Amino acid sequence: GKTGNRIYLLGLGERKDAVKLEQAFQKLCFETKKYWKKDIQIN
């Protein structure tokens, strides 16, 4: 972003994939949390 903050676009697939939505968040968090600062926001 403008201030050097990280913005992660997270793919949730098609609407039918909403039943396993936690898997997408788990993968993103597991693979990138080491780069985060003290907090992260979710839109």
PDB file of all heavy atoms in Angstrom:
ATOM      1  N   GLY A   1       0.819  -1.198   0.000  1.00  0.00           N
ATOM      2  CA  GLY A   1       0.000   0.000   0.000  1.00  0.00           C
ATOM      3  C   GLY A   1       0.857   1.253   0.000  1.00  0.00           C
ATOM      4  O   GLY A   1       2.086   1.200  -0.094  1.00  0.00           O
ATOM      5  N   LYS A   2       0.224   2.394   0.168  1.00  0.00           N
ATOM      6  CA  LYS A   2       0.914   3.682   0.095  1.00  0.00           C
ATOM      7  C   LYS A   2       1.955   3.857   1.184  1.00  0.00           C
ATOM      8  O   LYS A   2       2.958   4.546   1.006  1.00  0.00           O
ATOM      9  CB  LYS A   2      -0.114   4.819   0.169  1.00  0.00           C
ATOM     10  CG  LYS A   2      -1.066   4.877  -1.008  1.00  0.00           C
ATOM     11  CD  LYS A   2      -2.084   5.988  -0.849  1.00  0.00           C
ATOM     12  CE  LYS A   2      -3.054   6.020  -2.019  1.00  0.00           C
ATOM     13  NZ  LYS A   2      -4.085   7.087  -1.860  1.00  0.00           N
ATOM     14  N   THR A   3       1.735   3.265   2.329  1.00  0.00           N
ATOM     15  CA  THR A   3       2.663   3.443   3.453  1.00  0.00           C
ATOM     16  C   THR A   3       3.586   2.238   3.624  1.00  0.00           C
ATOM     17  O   THR A   3       4.239   2.099   4.655  1.00  0.00           O
ATOM     18  CB  THR A   3       1.876   3.667   4.757  1.00  0.00           C
ATOM     19  OG1 THR A   3       1.063   2.517   5.024  1.00  0.00           O
ATOM     20  CG2 THR A   3       1.008   4.907   4.672  1.00  0.00           C
ATOM     21  N   GLY A   4       3.619   1.362   2.624  1.00  0.00           N
ATOM     22  CA  GLY A   4       4.444   0.161   2.732  1.00  0.00           C
ATOM     23  C   GLY A   4       3.744  -0.976   3.445  1.00  0.00           C
ATOM     24  O   GLY A   4       4.361  -2.014   3.703  1.00  0.00           O
ATOM     25  N   ASN A   5       2.476  -0.773   3.779  1.00  0.00           N
ATOM     26  CA  ASN A   5       1.718  -1.845   4.420  1.00  0.00           C
ATOM     27  C   ASN A   5       1.412  -2.952   3.413  1.00  0.00           C
ATOM     28  O   ASN A   5       1.385  -2.721   2.206  1.00  0.00           O
ATOM     29  CB  ASN A   5       0.414  -1.297   5.010  1.00  0.00           C
ATOM     30  CG  ASN A   5      -0.460  -0.618   3.973  1.00  0.00           C
ATOM     31  OD1 ASN A   5       0.017   0.201   3.187  1.00  0.00           O
ATOM     32  ND2 ASN A   5      -1.737  -0.935   3.966  1.00  0.00           N
ATOM     33  N   ARG A   6       1.225  -4.149   3.917  1.00  0.00           N
ATOM     34  CA  ARG A   6       0.957  -5.287   3.053  1.00  0.00           C
ATOM     35  C   ARG A   6      -0.547  -5.475   2.857  1.00  0.00           C
ATOM     36  O   ARG A   6      -1.310  -5.451   3.823  1.00  0.00           O
ATOM     37  CB  ARG A   6       1.576  -6.568   3.647  1.00  0.00           C
ATOM     38  CG  ARG A   6       3.096  -6.583   3.608  1.00  0.00           C
ATOM     39  CD  ARG A   6       3.613  -7.878   4.213  1.00  0.00           C
ATOM     40  NE  ARG A   6       5.037  -8.050   3.977  1.00  0.00           N
ATOM     41  CZ  ARG A   6       5.995  -7.558   4.758  1.00  0.00           C
ATOM     42  NH1 ARG A   6       5.675  -6.876   5.836  1.00  0.00           N
ATOM     43  NH2 ARG A   6       7.264  -7.766   4.460  1.00  0.00           N
ATOM     44  N   ILE A   7      -0.930  -5.692   1.612  1.00  0.00           N
ATOM     45  CA  ILE A   7      -2.329  -5.942   1.266  1.00  0.00           C
ATOM     46  C   ILE A   7      -2.390  -7.301   0.575  1.00  0.00           C
ATOM     47  O   ILE A   7      -1.800  -7.495  -0.493  1.00  0.00           O
ATOM     48  CB  ILE A   7      -2.887  -4.849   0.341  1.00  0.00           C
ATOM     49  CG1 ILE A   7      -2.761  -3.475   1.010  1.00  0.00           C
ATOM     50  CG2 ILE A   7      -4.335  -5.149  -0.031  1.00  0.00           C
ATOM     51  CD1 ILE A   7      -3.074  -2.317   0.085  1.00  0.00           C
ATOM     52  N   TYR A   8      -3.077  -8.250   1.209  1.00  0.00           N
ATOM     53  CA  TYR A   8      -3.176  -9.601   0.671  1.00  0.00           C
ATOM     54  C   TYR A   8      -4.543  -9.803   0.029  1.00  0.00           C
ATOM     55  O   TYR A   8      -5.573  -9.694   0.701  1.00  0.00           O
ATOM     56  CB  TYR A   8      -2.995 -10.632   1.778  1.00  0.00           C
ATOM     57  CG  TYR A   8      -1.637 -10.606   2.436  1.00  0.00           C
ATOM     58  CD1 TYR A   8      -1.427  -9.853   3.594  1.00  0.00           C
ATOM     59  CD2 TYR A   8      -0.568 -11.327   1.917  1.00  0.00           C
ATOM     60  CE1 TYR A   8      -0.179  -9.823   4.208  1.00  0.00           C
ATOM     61  CE2 TYR A   8       0.677 -11.307   2.530  1.00  0.00           C
ATOM     62  CZ  TYR A   8       0.869 -10.554   3.669  1.00  0.00           C
ATOM     63  OH  TYR A   8       2.093 -10.527   4.275  1.00  0.00           O
ATOM     64  N   LEU A   9      -4.544 -10.071  -1.266  1.00  0.00           N
ATOM     65  CA  LEU A   9      -5.771 -10.515  -1.920  1.00  0.00           C
ATOM     66  C   LEU A   9      -5.867 -12.023  -1.724  1.00  0.00           C
ATOM     67  O   LEU A   9      -4.942 -12.769  -2.057  1.00  0.00           O
ATOM     68  CB  LEU A   9      -5.749 -10.180  -3.411  1.00  0.00           C
ATOM     69  CG  LEU A   9      -5.555  -8.713  -3.810  1.00  0.00           C
ATOM     70  CD1 LEU A   9      -5.718  -8.558  -5.322  1.00  0.00           C
ATOM     71  CD2 LEU A   9      -6.512  -7.809  -3.059  1.00  0.00           C
ATOM     72  N   LEU A  10      -6.975 -12.473  -1.167  1.00  0.00           N
ATOM     73  CA  LEU A  10      -7.158 -13.893  -0.844  1.00  0.00           C
ATOM     74  C   LEU A  10      -8.289 -14.463  -1.674  1.00  0.00           C
ATOM     75  O   LEU A  10      -9.435 -14.022  -1.584  1.00  0.00           O
ATOM     76  CB  LEU A  10      -7.465 -14.063   0.647  1.00  0.00           C
ATOM     77  CG  LEU A  10      -7.808 -15.480   1.110  1.00  0.00           C
ATOM     78  CD1 LEU A  10      -6.645 -16.443   0.845  1.00  0.00           C
ATOM     79  CD2 LEU A  10      -8.190 -15.489   2.579  1.00  0.00           C
ATOM     80  N   GLY A  11      -7.978 -15.463  -2.489  1.00  0.00           N
ATOM     81  CA  GLY A  11      -8.984 -16.074  -3.347  1.00  0.00           C
ATOM     82  C   GLY A  11      -9.857 -17.068  -2.595  1.00  0.00           C
ATOM     83  O   GLY A  11      -9.356 -17.952  -1.911  1.00  0.00           O
ATOM     84  N   LEU A  12     -11.161 -16.904  -2.727  1.00  0.00           N
ATOM     85  CA  LEU A  12     -12.122 -17.794  -2.082  1.00  0.00           C
ATOM     86  C   LEU A  12     -12.828 -18.706  -3.079  1.00  0.00           C
ATOM     87  O   LEU A  12     -13.729 -19.458  -2.704  1.00  0.00           O
ATOM     88  CB  LEU A  12     -13.162 -16.975  -1.309  1.00  0.00           C
ATOM     89  CG  LEU A  12     -12.615 -16.019  -0.239  1.00  0.00           C
ATOM     90  CD1 LEU A  12     -13.762 -15.310   0.466  1.00  0.00           C
ATOM     91  CD2 LEU A  12     -11.750 -16.763   0.764  1.00  0.00           C
ATOM     92  N   GLY A  13     -12.392 -18.620  -4.357  1.00  0.00           N
ATOM     93  CA  GLY A  13     -12.977 -19.498  -5.364  1.00  0.00           C
ATOM     94  C   GLY A  13     -14.408 -19.134  -5.704  1.00  0.00           C
ATOM     95  O   GLY A  13     -14.820 -17.963  -5.610  1.00  0.00           O
ATOM     96  N   GLU A  14     -15.191 -20.135  -6.077  1.00  0.00           N
ATOM     97  CA  GLU A  14     -16.594 -19.931  -6.404  1.00  0.00           C
ATOM     98  C   GLU A  14     -17.432 -19.996  -5.129  1.00  0.00           C
ATOM     99  O   GLU A  14     -16.965 -20.437  -4.080  1.00  0.00           O
ATOM    100  CB  GLU A  14     -17.049 -20.992  -7.407  1.00  0.00           C
ATOM    101  CG  GLU A  14     -16.256 -20.955  -8.708  1.00  0.00           C
ATOM    102  CD  GLU A  14     -16.640 -22.074  -9.662  1.00  0.00           C
ATOM    103  OE1 GLU A  14     -17.698 -22.694  -9.441  1.00  0.00           O
ATOM    104  OE2 GLU A  14     -15.878 -22.328 -10.611  1.00  0.00           O
ATOM    105  N   ARG A  15     -18.665 -19.582  -5.222  1.00  0.00           N
ATOM    106  CA  ARG A  15     -19.526 -19.533  -4.030  1.00  0.00           C
ATOM    107  C   ARG A  15     -19.699 -20.905  -3.384  1.00  0.00           C
ATOM    108  O   ARG A  15     -19.853 -20.997  -2.166  1.00  0.00           O
ATOM    109  CB  ARG A  15     -20.896 -18.952  -4.396  1.00  0.00           C
ATOM    110  CG  ARG A  15     -20.871 -17.447  -4.646  1.00  0.00           C
ATOM    111  CD  ARG A  15     -20.698 -16.688  -3.358  1.00  0.00           C
ATOM    112  NE  ARG A  15     -20.416 -15.263  -3.595  1.00  0.00           N
ATOM    113  CZ  ARG A  15     -20.253 -14.372  -2.622  1.00  0.00           C
ATOM    114  NH1 ARG A  15     -20.344 -14.776  -1.361  1.00  0.00           N
ATOM    115  NH2 ARG A  15     -19.990 -13.106  -2.907  1.00  0.00           N
ATOM    116  N   LYS A  16     -19.632 -21.954  -4.178  1.00  0.00           N
ATOM    117  CA  LYS A  16     -19.771 -23.298  -3.621  1.00  0.00           C
ATOM    118  C   LYS A  16     -18.593 -23.649  -2.706  1.00  0.00           C
ATOM    119  O   LYS A  16     -18.687 -24.545  -1.869  1.00  0.00           O
ATOM    120  CB  LYS A  16     -19.874 -24.332  -4.742  1.00  0.00           C
ATOM    121  CG  LYS A  16     -18.607 -24.456  -5.577  1.00  0.00           C
ATOM    122  CD  LYS A  16     -18.749 -25.504  -6.675  1.00  0.00           C
ATOM    123  CE  LYS A  16     -17.442 -25.647  -7.476  1.00  0.00           C
ATOM    124  NZ  LYS A  16     -17.552 -26.670  -8.537  1.00  0.00           N
ATOM    125  N   ASP A  17     -17.470 -22.950  -2.854  1.00  0.00           N
ATOM    126  CA  ASP A  17     -16.291 -23.209  -2.032  1.00  0.00           C
ATOM    127  C   ASP A  17     -16.381 -22.572  -0.651  1.00  0.00           C
ATOM    128  O   ASP A  17     -15.486 -22.774   0.178  1.00  0.00           O
ATOM    129  CB  ASP A  17     -15.028 -22.691  -2.734  1.00  0.00           C
ATOM    130  CG  ASP A  17     -14.736 -23.416  -4.037  1.00  0.00           C
ATOM    131  OD1 ASP A  17     -14.893 -24.647  -4.053  1.00  0.00           O
ATOM    132  OD2 ASP A  17     -14.352 -22.759  -5.018  1.00  0.00           O
ATOM    133  N   ALA A  18     -17.447 -21.820  -0.383  1.00  0.00           N
ATOM    134  CA  ALA A  18     -17.588 -21.159   0.915  1.00  0.00           C
ATOM    135  C   ALA A  18     -17.619 -22.155   2.071  1.00  0.00           C
ATOM    136  O   ALA A  18     -17.262 -21.815   3.206  1.00  0.00           O
ATOM    137  CB  ALA A  18     -18.854 -20.300   0.942  1.00  0.00           C
ATOM    138  N   VAL A  19     -17.996 -23.416   1.809  1.00  0.00           N
ATOM    139  CA  VAL A  19     -18.065 -24.416   2.872  1.00  0.00           C
ATOM    140  C   VAL A  19     -16.692 -24.741   3.442  1.00  0.00           C
ATOM    141  O   VAL A  19     -16.574 -25.252   4.559  1.00  0.00           O
ATOM    142  CB  VAL A  19     -18.751 -25.709   2.384  1.00  0.00           C
ATOM    143  CG1 VAL A  19     -20.189 -25.436   2.007  1.00  0.00           C
ATOM    144  CG2 VAL A  19     -17.983 -26.338   1.227  1.00  0.00           C
ATOM    145  N   LYS A  20     -15.637 -24.470   2.697  1.00  0.00           N
ATOM    146  CA  LYS A  20     -14.274 -24.741   3.173  1.00  0.00           C
ATOM    147  C   LYS A  20     -13.452 -23.458   3.252  1.00  0.00           C
ATOM    148  O   LYS A  20     -12.226 -23.484   3.149  1.00  0.00           O
ATOM    149  CB  LYS A  20     -13.594 -25.776   2.281  1.00  0.00           C
ATOM    150  CG  LYS A  20     -13.600 -25.444   0.788  1.00  0.00           C
ATOM    151  CD  LYS A  20     -12.945 -26.551  -0.031  1.00  0.00           C
ATOM    152  CE  LYS A  20     -12.956 -26.184  -1.524  1.00  0.00           C
ATOM    153  NZ  LYS A  20     -12.277 -27.209  -2.356  1.00  0.00           N
ATOM    154  N   LEU A  21     -14.140 -22.354   3.487  1.00  0.00           N
ATOM    155  CA  LEU A  21     -13.499 -21.046   3.512  1.00  0.00           C
ATOM    156  C   LEU A  21     -12.360 -20.972   4.525  1.00  0.00           C
ATOM    157  O   LEU A  21     -11.348 -20.320   4.302  1.00  0.00           O
ATOM    158  CB  LEU A  21     -14.561 -19.981   3.808  1.00  0.00           C
ATOM    159  CG  LEU A  21     -14.161 -18.513   3.851  1.00  0.00           C
ATOM    160  CD1 LEU A  21     -15.284 -17.655   3.297  1.00  0.00           C
ATOM    161  CD2 LEU A  21     -13.867 -18.075   5.278  1.00  0.00           C
ATOM    162  N   GLU A  22     -12.502 -21.673   5.658  1.00  0.00           N
ATOM    163  CA  GLU A  22     -11.449 -21.604   6.676  1.00  0.00           C
ATOM    164  C   GLU A  22     -10.115 -22.130   6.156  1.00  0.00           C
ATOM    165  O   GLU A  22      -9.051 -21.711   6.620  1.00  0.00           O
ATOM    166  CB  GLU A  22     -11.866 -22.353   7.946  1.00  0.00           C
ATOM    167  CG  GLU A  22     -11.870 -23.860   7.867  1.00  0.00           C
ATOM    168  CD  GLU A  22     -13.171 -24.424   7.332  1.00  0.00           C
ATOM    169  OE1 GLU A  22     -13.964 -23.667   6.735  1.00  0.00           O
ATOM    170  OE2 GLU A  22     -13.393 -25.628   7.508  1.00  0.00           O
ATOM    171  N   GLN A  23     -10.157 -23.037   5.159  1.00  0.00           N
ATOM    172  CA  GLN A  23      -8.915 -23.571   4.614  1.00  0.00           C
ATOM    173  C   GLN A  23      -8.106 -22.490   3.902  1.00  0.00           C
ATOM    174  O   GLN A  23      -6.870 -22.473   3.972  1.00  0.00           O
ATOM    175  CB  GLN A  23      -9.218 -24.723   3.652  1.00  0.00           C
ATOM    176  CG  GLN A  23      -9.833 -25.938   4.304  1.00  0.00           C
ATOM    177  CD  GLN A  23     -10.134 -27.044   3.303  1.00  0.00           C
ATOM    178  OE1 GLN A  23      -9.624 -27.054   2.187  1.00  0.00           O
ATOM    179  NE2 GLN A  23     -11.000 -27.975   3.686  1.00  0.00           N
ATOM    180  N   ALA A  24      -8.793 -21.586   3.215  1.00  0.00           N
ATOM    181  CA  ALA A  24      -8.100 -20.497   2.524  1.00  0.00           C
ATOM    182  C   ALA A  24      -7.423 -19.563   3.522  1.00  0.00           C
ATOM    183  O   ALA A  24      -6.268 -19.154   3.343  1.00  0.00           O
ATOM    184  CB  ALA A  24      -9.081 -19.731   1.641  1.00  0.00           C
ATOM    185  N   PHE A  25      -8.144 -19.222   4.599  1.00  0.00           N
ATOM    186  CA  PHE A  25      -7.562 -18.346   5.616  1.00  0.00           C
ATOM    187  C   PHE A  25      -6.428 -19.039   6.364  1.00  0.00           C
ATOM    188  O   PHE A  25      -5.426 -18.407   6.724  1.00  0.00           O
ATOM    189  CB  PHE A  25      -8.648 -17.870   6.583  1.00  0.00           C
ATOM    190  CG  PHE A  25      -9.450 -16.719   6.066  1.00  0.00           C
ATOM    191  CD1 PHE A  25     -10.597 -16.936   5.314  1.00  0.00           C
ATOM    192  CD2 PHE A  25      -9.055 -15.423   6.306  1.00  0.00           C
ATOM    193  CE1 PHE A  25     -11.336 -15.870   4.819  1.00  0.00           C
ATOM    194  CE2 PHE A  25      -9.780 -14.337   5.825  1.00  0.00           C
ATOM    195  CZ  PHE A  25     -10.930 -14.572   5.071  1.00  0.00           C
ATOM    196  N   GLN A  26      -6.579 -20.343   6.595  1.00  0.00           N
ATOM    197  CA  GLN A  26      -5.520 -21.087   7.275  1.00  0.00           C
ATOM    198  C   GLN A  26      -4.231 -21.055   6.458  1.00  0.00           C
ATOM    199  O   GLN A  26      -3.142 -20.807   7.001  1.00  0.00           O
ATOM    200  CB  GLN A  26      -5.957 -22.537   7.496  1.00  0.00           C
ATOM    201  CG  GLN A  26      -4.888 -23.393   8.181  1.00  0.00           C
ATOM    202  CD  GLN A  26      -5.274 -24.854   8.270  1.00  0.00           C
ATOM    203  OE1 GLN A  26      -6.236 -25.295   7.653  1.00  0.00           O
ATOM    204  NE2 GLN A  26      -4.526 -25.631   9.046  1.00  0.00           N
ATOM    205  N   LYS A  27      -4.331 -21.305   5.163  1.00  0.00           N
ATOM    206  CA  LYS A  27      -3.140 -21.330   4.316  1.00  0.00           C
ATOM    207  C   LYS A  27      -2.469 -19.960   4.274  1.00  0.00           C
ATOM    208  O   LYS A  27      -1.240 -19.855   4.421  1.00  0.00           O
ATOM    209  CB  LYS A  27      -3.519 -21.776   2.906  1.00  0.00           C
ATOM    210  CG  LYS A  27      -2.332 -21.828   1.952  1.00  0.00           C
ATOM    211  CD  LYS A  27      -2.756 -22.236   0.550  1.00  0.00           C
ATOM    212  CE  LYS A  27      -1.546 -22.213  -0.398  1.00  0.00           C
ATOM    213  NZ  LYS A  27      -1.936 -22.541  -1.797  1.00  0.00           N
ATOM    214  N   LEU A  28      -3.261 -18.913   4.073  1.00  0.00           N
ATOM    215  CA  LEU A  28      -2.693 -17.566   4.016  1.00  0.00           C
ATOM    216  C   LEU A  28      -1.983 -17.216   5.314  1.00  0.00           C
ATOM    217  O   LEU A  28      -0.839 -16.742   5.313  1.00  0.00           O
ATOM    218  CB  LEU A  28      -3.790 -16.541   3.724  1.00  0.00           C
ATOM    219  CG  LEU A  28      -3.343 -15.073   3.804  1.00  0.00           C
ATOM    220  CD1 LEU A  28      -2.346 -14.752   2.711  1.00  0.00           C
ATOM    221  CD2 LEU A  28      -4.542 -14.135   3.732  1.00  0.00           C
ATOM    222  N   CYS A  29      -2.645 -17.452   6.430  1.00  0.00           N
ATOM    223  CA  CYS A  29      -2.074 -17.118   7.734  1.00  0.00           C
ATOM    224  C   CYS A  29      -0.814 -17.931   7.998  1.00  0.00           C
ATOM    225  O   CYS A  29       0.216 -17.403   8.427  1.00  0.00           O
ATOM    226  CB  CYS A  29      -3.109 -17.352   8.832  1.00  0.00           C
ATOM    227  SG  CYS A  29      -2.521 -16.982  10.503  1.00  0.00           S
ATOM    228  N   PHE A  30      -0.876 -19.233   7.716  1.00  0.00           N
ATOM    229  CA  PHE A  30       0.264 -20.120   7.983  1.00  0.00           C
ATOM    230  C   PHE A  30       1.496 -19.691   7.191  1.00  0.00           C
ATOM    231  O   PHE A  30       2.618 -19.702   7.715  1.00  0.00           O
ATOM    232  CB  PHE A  30      -0.115 -21.558   7.632  1.00  0.00           C
ATOM    233  CG  PHE A  30       0.961 -22.563   7.922  1.00  0.00           C
ATOM    234  CD1 PHE A  30       1.101 -23.105   9.189  1.00  0.00           C
ATOM    235  CD2 PHE A  30       1.846 -22.977   6.922  1.00  0.00           C
ATOM    236  CE1 PHE A  30       2.094 -24.034   9.464  1.00  0.00           C
ATOM    237  CE2 PHE A  30       2.844 -23.905   7.184  1.00  0.00           C
ATOM    238  CZ  PHE A  30       2.969 -24.431   8.461  1.00  0.00           C
ATOM    239  N   GLU A  31       1.289 -19.292   5.924  1.00  0.00           N
ATOM    240  CA  GLU A  31       2.421 -19.012   5.056  1.00  0.00           C
ATOM    241  C   GLU A  31       2.930 -17.579   5.152  1.00  0.00           C
ATOM    242  O   GLU A  31       4.071 -17.311   4.748  1.00  0.00           O
ATOM    243  CB  GLU A  31       2.047 -19.333   3.604  1.00  0.00           C
ATOM    244  CG  GLU A  31       1.777 -20.810   3.373  1.00  0.00           C
ATOM    245  CD  GLU A  31       1.594 -21.174   1.910  1.00  0.00           C
ATOM    246  OE1 GLU A  31       1.819 -20.293   1.042  1.00  0.00           O
ATOM    247  OE2 GLU A  31       1.234 -22.325   1.627  1.00  0.00           O
ATOM    248  N   THR A  32       2.137 -16.661   5.678  1.00  0.00           N
ATOM    249  CA  THR A  32       2.557 -15.256   5.653  1.00  0.00           C
ATOM    250  C   THR A  32       2.643 -14.575   7.015  1.00  0.00           C
ATOM    251  O   THR A  32       3.150 -13.471   7.110  1.00  0.00           O
ATOM    252  CB  THR A  32       1.596 -14.431   4.774  1.00  0.00           C
ATOM    253  OG1 THR A  32       0.290 -14.400   5.377  1.00  0.00           O
ATOM    254  CG2 THR A  32       1.494 -15.003   3.371  1.00  0.00           C
ATOM    255  N   LYS A  33       2.183 -15.231   8.092  1.00  0.00           N
ATOM    256  CA  LYS A  33       2.119 -14.549   9.384  1.00  0.00           C
ATOM    257  C   LYS A  33       3.480 -14.079   9.875  1.00  0.00           C
ATOM    258  O   LYS A  33       3.568 -13.100  10.627  1.00  0.00           O
ATOM    259  CB  LYS A  33       1.462 -15.456  10.428  1.00  0.00           C
ATOM    260  CG  LYS A  33       2.238 -16.718  10.748  1.00  0.00           C
ATOM    261  CD  LYS A  33       1.473 -17.629  11.699  1.00  0.00           C
ATOM    262  CE  LYS A  33       2.249 -18.914  11.956  1.00  0.00           C
ATOM    263  NZ  LYS A  33       1.482 -19.887  12.735  1.00  0.00           N
ATOM    264  N   LYS A  34       4.563 -14.733   9.447  1.00  0.00           N
ATOM    265  CA  LYS A  34       5.894 -14.323   9.883  1.00  0.00           C
ATOM    266  C   LYS A  34       6.256 -12.937   9.357  1.00  0.00           C
ATOM    267  O   LYS A  34       7.175 -12.293   9.873  1.00  0.00           O
ATOM    268  CB  LYS A  34       6.935 -15.346   9.434  1.00  0.00           C
ATOM    269  CG  LYS A  34       7.003 -15.569   7.937  1.00  0.00           C
ATOM    270  CD  LYS A  34       7.943 -16.716   7.585  1.00  0.00           C
ATOM    271  CE  LYS A  34       7.904 -17.025   6.086  1.00  0.00           C
ATOM    272  NZ  LYS A  34       8.755 -18.197   5.759  1.00  0.00           N
ATOM    273  N   TYR A  35       5.554 -12.475   8.321  1.00  0.00           N
ATOM    274  CA  TYR A  35       5.831 -11.158   7.761  1.00  0.00           C
ATOM    275  C   TYR A  35       4.942 -10.061   8.352  1.00  0.00           C
ATOM    276  O   TYR A  35       5.151  -8.882   8.098  1.00  0.00           O
ATOM    277  CB  TYR A  35       5.643 -11.173   6.240  1.00  0.00           C
ATOM    278  CG  TYR A  35       6.474 -12.212   5.532  1.00  0.00           C
ATOM    279  CD1 TYR A  35       5.862 -13.264   4.855  1.00  0.00           C
ATOM    280  CD2 TYR A  35       7.862 -12.153   5.539  1.00  0.00           C
ATOM    281  CE1 TYR A  35       6.615 -14.236   4.203  1.00  0.00           C
ATOM    282  CE2 TYR A  35       8.628 -13.115   4.890  1.00  0.00           C
ATOM    283  CZ  TYR A  35       8.003 -14.149   4.223  1.00  0.00           C
ATOM    284  OH  TYR A  35       8.749 -15.108   3.583  1.00  0.00           O
ATOM    285  N   TRP A  36       3.922 -10.451   9.099  1.00  0.00           N
ATOM    286  CA  TRP A  36       2.990  -9.476   9.621  1.00  0.00           C
ATOM    287  C   TRP A  36       3.622  -8.661  10.744  1.00  0.00           C
ATOM    288  O   TRP A  36       4.574  -9.100  11.392  1.00  0.00           O
ATOM    289  CB  TRP A  36       1.731 -10.152  10.164  1.00  0.00           C
ATOM    290  CG  TRP A  36       0.964 -10.920   9.129  1.00  0.00           C
ATOM    291  CD1 TRP A  36       1.184 -10.945   7.781  1.00  0.00           C
ATOM    292  CD2 TRP A  36      -0.132 -11.793   9.375  1.00  0.00           C
ATOM    293  NE1 TRP A  36       0.284 -11.774   7.162  1.00  0.00           N
ATOM    294  CE2 TRP A  36      -0.531 -12.308   8.114  1.00  0.00           C
ATOM    295  CE3 TRP A  36      -0.819 -12.186  10.504  1.00  0.00           C
ATOM    296  CZ2 TRP A  36      -1.606 -13.189   7.981  1.00  0.00           C
ATOM    297  CZ3 TRP A  36      -1.875 -13.063  10.376  1.00  0.00           C
ATOM    298  CH2 TRP A  36      -2.258 -13.554   9.124  1.00  0.00           C
ATOM    299  N   LYS A  37       3.032  -7.528  10.954  1.00  0.00           N
ATOM    300  CA  LYS A  37       3.411  -6.746  12.124  1.00  0.00           C
ATOM    301  C   LYS A  37       2.587  -7.255  13.300  1.00  0.00           C
ATOM    302  O   LYS A  37       2.269  -8.422  13.376  1.00  0.00           O
ATOM    303  CB  LYS A  37       3.211  -5.269  11.835  1.00  0.00           C
ATOM    304  CG  LYS A  37       4.121  -4.789  10.682  1.00  0.00           C
ATOM    305  CD  LYS A  37       3.806  -3.379  10.241  1.00  0.00           C
ATOM    306  CE  LYS A  37       4.667  -3.021   9.020  1.00  0.00           C
ATOM    307  NZ  LYS A  37       4.353  -1.688   8.483  1.00  0.00           N
ATOM    308  N   LYS A  38       2.208  -6.436  14.213  1.00  0.00           N
ATOM    309  CA  LYS A  38       1.523  -6.924  15.408  1.00  0.00           C
ATOM    310  C   LYS A  38       0.071  -7.299  15.143  1.00  0.00           C
ATOM    311  O   LYS A  38      -0.527  -8.031  15.913  1.00  0.00           O
ATOM    312  CB  LYS A  38       1.597  -5.880  16.520  1.00  0.00           C
ATOM    313  CG  LYS A  38       3.001  -5.700  17.078  1.00  0.00           C
ATOM    314  CD  LYS A  38       2.996  -4.737  18.249  1.00  0.00           C
ATOM    315  CE  LYS A  38       4.390  -4.602  18.835  1.00  0.00           C
ATOM    316  NZ  LYS A  38       4.420  -3.645  19.968  1.00  0.00           N
ATOM    317  N   ASP A  39      -0.481  -6.764  14.072  1.00  0.00           N
ATOM    318  CA  ASP A  39      -1.884  -7.087  13.820  1.00  0.00           C
ATOM    319  C   ASP A  39      -2.156  -7.152  12.325  1.00  0.00           C
ATOM    320  O   ASP A  39      -1.359  -6.734  11.500  1.00  0.00           O
ATOM    321  CB  ASP A  39      -2.819  -6.091  14.512  1.00  0.00           C
ATOM    322  CG  ASP A  39      -2.540  -4.642  14.107  1.00  0.00           C
ATOM    323  OD1 ASP A  39      -1.740  -4.431  13.167  1.00  0.00           O
ATOM    324  OD2 ASP A  39      -3.103  -3.737  14.721  1.00  0.00           O
ATOM    325  N   ILE A  40      -3.312  -7.721  12.007  1.00  0.00           N
ATOM    326  CA  ILE A  40      -3.762  -7.845  10.624  1.00  0.00           C
ATOM    327  C   ILE A  40      -5.266  -7.563  10.598  1.00  0.00           C
ATOM    328  O   ILE A  40      -5.987  -7.901  11.541  1.00  0.00           O
ATOM    329  CB  ILE A  40      -3.448  -9.246  10.056  1.00  0.00           C
ATOM    330  CG1 ILE A  40      -3.706  -9.326   8.548  1.00  0.00           C
ATOM    331  CG2 ILE A  40      -4.233 -10.322  10.790  1.00  0.00           C
ATOM    332  CD1 ILE A  40      -2.556  -8.889   7.708  1.00  0.00           C
ATOM    333  N   GLN A  41      -5.725  -6.931   9.540  1.00  0.00           N
ATOM    334  CA  GLN A  41      -7.150  -6.638   9.392  1.00  0.00           C
ATOM    335  C   GLN A  41      -7.754  -7.545   8.316  1.00  0.00           C
ATOM    336  O   GLN A  41      -7.059  -7.953   7.386  1.00  0.00           O
ATOM    337  CB  GLN A  41      -7.357  -5.183   8.965  1.00  0.00           C
ATOM    338  CG  GLN A  41      -6.679  -4.153   9.853  1.00  0.00           C
ATOM    339  CD  GLN A  41      -6.707  -2.784   9.194  1.00  0.00           C
ATOM    340  OE1 GLN A  41      -7.600  -1.982   9.437  1.00  0.00           O
ATOM    341  NE2 GLN A  41      -5.729  -2.524   8.341  1.00  0.00           N
ATOM    342  N   ILE A  42      -9.024  -7.830   8.460  1.00  0.00           N
ATOM    343  CA  ILE A  42      -9.751  -8.602   7.448  1.00  0.00           C
ATOM    344  C   ILE A  42     -10.958  -7.790   6.988  1.00  0.00           C
ATOM    345  O   ILE A  42     -11.778  -7.361   7.813  1.00  0.00           O
ATOM    346  CB  ILE A  42     -10.230  -9.959   8.004  1.00  0.00           C
ATOM    347  CG1 ILE A  42      -9.039 -10.818   8.422  1.00  0.00           C
ATOM    348  CG2 ILE A  42     -11.066 -10.698   6.958  1.00  0.00           C
ATOM    349  CD1 ILE A  42      -9.436 -12.137   9.067  1.00  0.00           C
ATOM    350  N   ASN A  43     -11.054  -7.579   5.696  1.00  0.00           N
ATOM    351  CA  ASN A  43     -12.214  -6.893   5.143  1.00  0.00           C
ATOM    352  C   ASN A  43     -13.385  -7.868   5.121  1.00  0.00           C
ATOM    353  O   ASN A  43     -13.488  -8.729   4.249  1.00  0.00           O
ATOM    354  CB  ASN A  43     -11.896  -6.396   3.727  1.00  0.00           C
ATOM    355  CG  ASN A  43     -13.064  -5.667   3.098  1.00  0.00           C
ATOM    356  OD1 ASN A  43     -13.901  -5.109   3.803  1.00  0.00           O
ATOM    357  ND2 ASN A  43     -13.130  -5.671   1.779  1.00  0.00           N
TER     358      ASN A  43
END
